[in-house]
Each structure stands twice: as structure tokens, then as C-alpha cells.
Amino acid sequence: MVFLQLLSLIETFGGQKREKFIEMVDAESHVWAQALRDKMLSIERYFSWPDQTVIEVIKGLPTKNMAVAIKGLKEEQRARMLVFFTPSDNVEWTMPSLMSPSPKNHRQFSESWSNWRARC
């Protein structure tokens, strides 16, 4: 249980903070650090999955979370995602009110991601 909580926490960190945290864990336990690296979901790992799996995850996110997630994607990743959604969804996700990152949006995205991860 502690491992999953730690993993969920680390997955919400930005790249530099995540690596620094894993380095601290590595100083205490190489086994735990390697297990975290192996199990951690990142946007790169996420996009290595088949399209159908990626879409299944994305469709489960609330609209605001999806908008924030799409904003942070590289153009090729965004293009890969948007072809699976309706034009009205695409317009909704690009609305300025949804696209502006805020602590509330980040927290909601993190909570949704954690909830999805717990179901897997």
C-alpha cells in the first residue's frame, strides 16, 4: 500500500522534481527506486501504448482535466489523440477557460489520474 501511495505521489511531480525524489529513494533503497521507475506512468510511457488503450484512459478524464492534459502534449501527441474525438469535444477542450493551468486544475487532474490508476 505504501509503495502505491509513493508511486501515485511521484507520478504527479514534474520531471526534475520526480527525478530528484527518485534519487533520494535510491539513496535509501536501490530496489524501491528501480521498482518506482519500472511502474511509474509518464506521458512517454502512456503514448507507447496502443491507441485504443490511450483513448480509453483519456475518455475517463473530466473535461477540464482533459483540456489541461492536451495543452501539455507535443503537437504529434495532440494530433494522435484528437482524431478519436468529435469536433465538438475538440472545440470544448481548446476553450481558454479550460486550457489555463491552475492549481485547482492540476489537483483535479492528479486526483483523476490516481483514481484511474487505482482501477487498473
Protein backbone atom coordinates (compact mmCIF):
# COMPACT_ATOMS: atom_id res chain seq x y z
CA MET A 1 0.00 0.00 0.00
CA VAL A 2 2.80 2.43 0.88
CA PHE A 3 4.50 1.70 -2.44
CA LEU A 4 1.36 2.57 -4.42
CA GLN A 5 0.90 5.79 -2.46
CA LEU A 6 4.51 6.76 -3.11
CA LEU A 7 4.15 5.86 -6.77
CA SER A 8 0.96 7.92 -7.10
CA LEU A 9 2.67 10.88 -5.46
CA ILE A 10 5.73 10.69 -7.69
CA GLU A 11 3.57 10.49 -10.82
CA THR A 12 2.13 13.93 -10.04
CA PHE A 13 5.57 15.58 -9.91
CA GLY A 14 7.21 17.46 -12.76
CA GLY A 15 10.25 15.90 -14.42
CA GLN A 16 13.03 17.46 -12.33
CA LYS A 17 11.22 17.05 -9.02
CA ARG A 18 10.36 13.44 -9.88
CA GLU A 19 13.98 12.56 -10.67
CA LYS A 20 15.28 14.29 -7.54
CA PHE A 21 12.76 12.40 -5.41
CA ILE A 22 13.67 9.05 -7.00
CA GLU A 23 17.34 9.82 -6.39
CA MET A 24 16.52 10.30 -2.69
CA VAL A 25 14.67 6.97 -2.64
CA ASP A 26 17.60 5.37 -4.50
CA ALA A 27 19.97 6.53 -1.76
CA GLU A 28 17.86 4.56 0.72
CA SER A 29 16.89 1.55 -1.40
CA HIS A 30 18.01 0.70 -4.93
CA VAL A 31 15.25 -1.93 -5.15
CA TRP A 32 12.46 0.55 -4.37
CA ALA A 33 13.90 3.17 -6.72
CA GLN A 34 14.07 0.67 -9.58
CA ALA A 35 10.56 -0.58 -8.84
CA LEU A 36 9.28 3.02 -8.94
CA ARG A 37 10.98 3.61 -12.30
CA ASP A 38 9.53 0.35 -13.65
CA LYS A 39 5.96 1.04 -12.51
CA MET A 40 5.78 4.81 -12.94
CA LEU A 41 3.46 6.10 -15.63
CA SER A 42 4.72 9.01 -17.66
CA ILE A 43 3.37 10.70 -20.75
CA GLU A 44 6.08 8.96 -22.80
CA ARG A 45 5.14 5.54 -21.46
CA TYR A 46 1.47 6.33 -21.83
CA PHE A 47 1.89 7.15 -25.52
CA SER A 48 3.79 3.92 -26.12
CA TRP A 49 0.53 2.02 -25.51
CA PRO A 50 -1.89 1.09 -28.32
CA ASP A 51 -4.26 3.88 -29.40
CA GLN A 52 -7.32 2.10 -28.05
CA THR A 53 -5.83 1.91 -24.54
CA VAL A 54 -4.78 5.56 -24.61
CA ILE A 55 -8.26 6.64 -25.70
CA GLU A 56 -9.92 4.53 -23.02
CA VAL A 57 -7.91 6.34 -20.35
CA ILE A 58 -8.43 9.80 -21.85
CA LYS A 59 -12.18 9.38 -22.23
CA GLY A 60 -12.41 8.66 -18.50
CA LEU A 61 -10.96 12.05 -17.56
CA PRO A 62 -13.20 15.01 -16.73
CA THR A 63 -13.30 17.72 -19.43
CA LYS A 64 -11.16 20.22 -17.52
CA ASN A 65 -8.52 17.60 -16.84
CA MET A 66 -8.52 16.59 -20.49
CA ALA A 67 -8.08 20.20 -21.57
CA VAL A 68 -5.10 20.70 -19.27
CA ALA A 69 -3.59 17.38 -20.34
CA ILE A 70 -3.98 18.17 -24.05
CA LYS A 71 -2.38 21.59 -23.61
CA GLY A 72 0.78 19.98 -22.27
CA LEU A 73 1.16 17.48 -25.11
CA LYS A 74 3.57 17.73 -28.00
CA GLU A 75 1.87 18.54 -31.29
CA GLU A 76 2.24 14.98 -32.64
CA GLN A 77 0.74 13.52 -29.45
CA ARG A 78 -2.13 16.02 -29.53
CA ALA A 79 -2.85 15.16 -33.17
CA ARG A 80 -2.85 11.44 -32.33
CA MET A 81 -5.40 12.00 -29.58
CA LEU A 82 -7.78 14.45 -31.20
CA VAL A 83 -8.65 12.24 -34.19
CA PHE A 84 -10.57 9.94 -31.83
CA PHE A 85 -12.93 12.63 -30.55
CA THR A 86 -15.81 14.58 -32.02
CA PRO A 87 -15.27 18.10 -33.38
CA SER A 88 -17.37 19.49 -30.51
CA ASP A 89 -15.11 17.76 -27.97
CA ASN A 90 -12.08 19.23 -29.69
CA VAL A 91 -13.57 22.74 -29.58
CA GLU A 92 -14.57 22.33 -25.93
CA TRP A 93 -11.06 21.20 -24.90
CA THR A 94 -9.42 24.20 -26.53
CA MET A 95 -11.62 26.79 -24.77
CA PRO A 96 -9.39 29.33 -22.97
CA SER A 97 -11.28 28.92 -19.69
CA LEU A 98 -10.42 25.22 -19.63
CA MET A 99 -6.91 25.48 -21.03
CA SER A 100 -5.47 27.77 -18.38
CA PRO A 101 -3.48 25.70 -15.93
CA SER A 102 -4.26 26.43 -12.33
CA PRO A 103 -3.51 24.68 -9.06
CA LYS A 104 -7.14 23.54 -8.96
CA ASN A 105 -6.95 22.03 -12.47
CA HIS A 106 -3.65 20.32 -11.64
CA ARG A 107 -5.10 18.88 -8.42
CA GLN A 108 -8.21 17.63 -10.25
CA PHE A 109 -6.05 16.02 -12.96
CA SER A 110 -3.84 14.37 -10.36
CA GLU A 111 -6.86 13.04 -8.48
CA SER A 112 -8.43 11.68 -11.66
CA TRP A 113 -5.17 10.08 -12.72
CA SER A 114 -4.81 8.47 -9.30
CA ASN A 115 -8.38 7.19 -9.42
CA TRP A 116 -7.83 5.70 -12.88
CA ARG A 117 -4.56 4.12 -11.75
CA ALA A 118 -6.26 2.58 -8.71
CA ARG A 119 -8.80 0.87 -11.00
CA CYS A 120 -6.03 -0.77 -13.09
